[in-house]
Amino acid sequence: MKNKNFATLSLLIALAMILSFVESQIPSFFPIPGIKMGLANIAVVFALYKLSIKDAIIVSVTRVIIVSFLFGTSVTLIYSISGAVLSMIVMALMQKSERFSLVSVSIAGGVTHNIAQVIVACILLKSAVIRYYLPFLIISGMLTGVVIGLISAKLIERIKK
């Protein structure tokens, strides 16, 4: 069973990395820079609901670290890891409570990811002006959270454990 779990985690990390790369190649549909769909989170949400919280954390953090080293910078890593950690905490707590739908959990993950990144930006830039960007990021986090949640729910429904 350990080997099967390791193989599943490896596939989910690889899928998340591929989705991150694919998303980086797609021109942004949003006029505001930095807004992305977060396609890699399909693998994270899948791991959260089909495997365990620990496995979802492994998928999320490993993907962020590897993608940042391959395609980003140290600053990319700081922004991405802060968003990943806060969103994982919130999604794990919501999922564990069993009071929220998968789509609600995904929305919360998207929104908190963006909030964490704005907090980090305020700290790194030593300016609170960036907070005015937050309403746009919250809206985009909600919209992309719905899309990622719906895709993840359909995937989970179709794939047996």
Protein backbone atom coordinates (compact mmCIF):
# COMPACT_ATOMS: atom_id res chain seq x y z
CA MET A 1 0.00 0.00 0.00
CA LYS A 2 2.89 2.36 0.71
CA ASN A 3 4.24 1.94 -2.82
CA LYS A 4 0.81 2.60 -4.30
CA ASN A 5 0.43 5.76 -2.22
CA PHE A 6 3.93 6.92 -3.21
CA ALA A 7 3.13 6.32 -6.88
CA THR A 8 -0.18 8.17 -6.58
CA LEU A 9 1.49 11.14 -4.88
CA SER A 10 4.22 11.18 -7.53
CA LEU A 11 1.63 11.22 -10.31
CA LEU A 12 -0.33 14.01 -8.62
CA ILE A 13 2.82 16.10 -8.15
CA ALA A 14 3.77 15.53 -11.79
CA LEU A 15 0.24 16.45 -12.90
CA ALA A 16 0.32 19.61 -10.78
CA MET A 17 3.67 20.58 -12.29
CA ILE A 18 2.43 19.97 -15.82
CA LEU A 19 -0.73 22.00 -15.16
CA SER A 20 1.41 24.82 -13.72
CA PHE A 21 3.60 24.82 -16.81
CA VAL A 22 0.62 24.68 -19.19
CA GLU A 23 -1.03 27.54 -17.35
CA SER A 24 2.14 29.62 -17.59
CA GLN A 25 1.99 29.23 -21.39
CA ILE A 26 -1.61 30.42 -21.68
CA PRO A 27 -2.03 34.17 -22.18
CA SER A 28 -3.93 35.77 -19.31
CA PHE A 29 -7.61 36.38 -19.93
CA PHE A 30 -7.64 38.92 -17.12
CA PRO A 31 -6.56 42.54 -17.62
CA ILE A 32 -5.01 42.52 -14.14
CA PRO A 33 -1.48 41.04 -13.95
CA GLY A 34 -0.85 38.07 -11.69
CA ILE A 35 -4.33 36.57 -11.83
CA LYS A 36 -4.19 32.90 -12.80
CA MET A 37 -6.61 29.99 -12.84
CA GLY A 38 -4.59 27.83 -10.48
CA LEU A 39 -5.04 24.66 -12.52
CA ALA A 40 -2.46 22.82 -10.41
CA ASN A 41 -4.88 23.02 -7.52
CA ILE A 42 -6.99 20.35 -9.20
CA ALA A 43 -4.33 17.86 -8.08
CA VAL A 44 -4.23 19.36 -4.58
CA VAL A 45 -8.00 19.26 -4.10
CA PHE A 46 -8.09 15.73 -5.48
CA ALA A 47 -5.43 14.65 -2.95
CA LEU A 48 -7.30 16.40 -0.14
CA TYR A 49 -10.54 14.53 -0.85
CA LYS A 50 -9.31 11.18 -2.15
CA LEU A 51 -6.13 10.70 -0.09
CA SER A 52 -5.42 12.72 3.06
CA ILE A 53 -4.63 16.19 4.34
CA LYS A 54 -0.98 15.18 4.69
CA ASP A 55 -0.88 13.97 1.09
CA ALA A 56 -2.51 17.18 -0.17
CA ILE A 57 0.11 19.21 1.70
CA ILE A 58 2.88 17.11 0.13
CA VAL A 59 1.45 17.64 -3.36
CA SER A 60 0.96 21.37 -2.86
CA VAL A 61 4.28 22.21 -1.25
CA THR A 62 6.37 19.92 -3.45
CA ARG A 63 4.80 21.33 -6.60
CA VAL A 64 5.39 24.92 -5.48
CA ILE A 65 9.03 24.29 -4.63
CA ILE A 66 9.88 22.39 -7.82
CA VAL A 67 7.99 24.75 -10.16
CA SER A 68 9.55 27.80 -8.48
CA PHE A 69 13.04 26.37 -8.95
CA LEU A 70 12.37 25.33 -12.56
CA PHE A 71 10.41 28.30 -13.85
CA GLY A 72 10.50 31.02 -11.21
CA THR A 73 12.71 32.93 -8.83
CA SER A 74 13.27 33.07 -5.09
CA VAL A 75 10.61 35.78 -4.90
CA THR A 76 8.20 33.53 -6.81
CA LEU A 77 8.86 30.85 -4.23
CA ILE A 78 8.12 33.21 -1.33
CA TYR A 79 4.81 34.34 -2.84
CA SER A 80 3.77 30.86 -3.92
CA ILE A 81 4.67 29.06 -0.71
CA SER A 82 2.86 31.63 1.43
CA GLY A 83 -0.27 31.25 -0.66
CA ALA A 84 0.01 27.47 -0.70
CA VAL A 85 0.48 27.17 3.06
CA LEU A 86 -2.38 29.48 4.05
CA SER A 87 -4.77 28.00 1.49
CA MET A 88 -3.88 24.44 2.59
CA ILE A 89 -4.54 25.29 6.24
CA VAL A 90 -7.93 26.80 5.44
CA MET A 91 -8.96 24.06 2.99
CA ALA A 92 -7.87 21.30 5.38
CA LEU A 93 -9.84 22.80 8.28
CA MET A 94 -12.93 23.29 6.14
CA GLN A 95 -12.76 19.81 4.61
CA LYS A 96 -12.18 18.18 7.99
CA SER A 97 -15.24 19.92 9.47
CA GLU A 98 -17.41 18.27 6.79
CA ARG A 99 -19.72 21.33 6.80
CA PHE A 100 -18.59 22.71 3.48
CA SER A 101 -18.91 21.49 -0.07
CA LEU A 102 -15.85 20.71 -2.15
CA VAL A 103 -16.52 23.81 -4.27
CA SER A 104 -16.72 25.99 -1.12
CA VAL A 105 -13.42 24.56 0.08
CA SER A 106 -11.85 25.28 -3.32
CA ILE A 107 -13.17 28.87 -3.29
CA ALA A 108 -11.75 29.43 0.17
CA GLY A 109 -8.42 28.04 -1.01
CA GLY A 110 -8.31 30.41 -3.99
CA VAL A 111 -9.25 33.45 -1.92
CA THR A 112 -6.85 32.73 0.96
CA HIS A 113 -4.03 32.01 -1.48
CA ASN A 114 -4.46 35.52 -2.89
CA ILE A 115 -4.78 37.11 0.56
CA ALA A 116 -1.50 35.50 1.66
CA GLN A 117 0.25 36.79 -1.43
CA VAL A 118 -0.99 40.35 -0.84
CA ILE A 119 0.22 40.19 2.77
CA VAL A 120 3.64 39.00 1.60
CA ALA A 121 3.73 41.72 -1.07
CA CYS A 122 2.97 44.40 1.55
CA ILE A 123 5.82 43.07 3.70
CA LEU A 124 8.35 42.69 0.87
CA LEU A 125 7.50 46.01 -0.77
CA LYS A 126 7.20 47.75 2.61
CA SER A 127 4.01 49.38 1.40
CA ALA A 128 0.36 48.83 2.12
CA VAL A 129 -0.70 50.34 -1.23
CA ILE A 130 -0.88 46.85 -2.73
CA ARG A 131 -3.89 46.12 -0.51
CA TYR A 132 -6.06 48.02 -2.99
CA TYR A 133 -5.42 45.13 -5.36
CA LEU A 134 -7.07 42.74 -2.90
CA PRO A 135 -10.75 43.14 -3.97
CA PHE A 136 -9.83 42.11 -7.53
CA LEU A 137 -7.84 39.16 -6.24
CA ILE A 138 -10.67 38.06 -3.95
CA ILE A 139 -13.12 38.10 -6.85
CA SER A 140 -10.68 36.20 -9.07
CA GLY A 141 -10.03 33.71 -6.24
CA MET A 142 -13.76 33.11 -5.94
CA LEU A 143 -14.26 32.63 -9.68
CA THR A 144 -11.26 30.38 -10.18
CA GLY A 145 -12.11 28.52 -6.97
CA VAL A 146 -15.51 27.64 -8.44
CA VAL A 147 -13.96 26.40 -11.68
CA ILE A 148 -11.24 24.37 -9.94
CA GLY A 149 -13.80 23.01 -7.46
CA LEU A 150 -16.20 21.89 -10.18
CA ILE A 151 -13.43 20.24 -12.21
CA SER A 152 -12.06 18.53 -9.09
CA ALA A 153 -15.52 17.31 -8.04
CA LYS A 154 -16.12 15.80 -11.48
CA LEU A 155 -12.68 14.16 -11.45
CA ILE A 156 -13.24 12.72 -7.97
CA GLU A 157 -16.65 11.43 -9.00
CA ARG A 158 -15.19 9.62 -12.03
CA ILE A 159 -12.06 8.14 -10.46
CA LYS A 160 -12.47 5.29 -8.02
CA LYS A 161 -10.08 5.07 -5.08
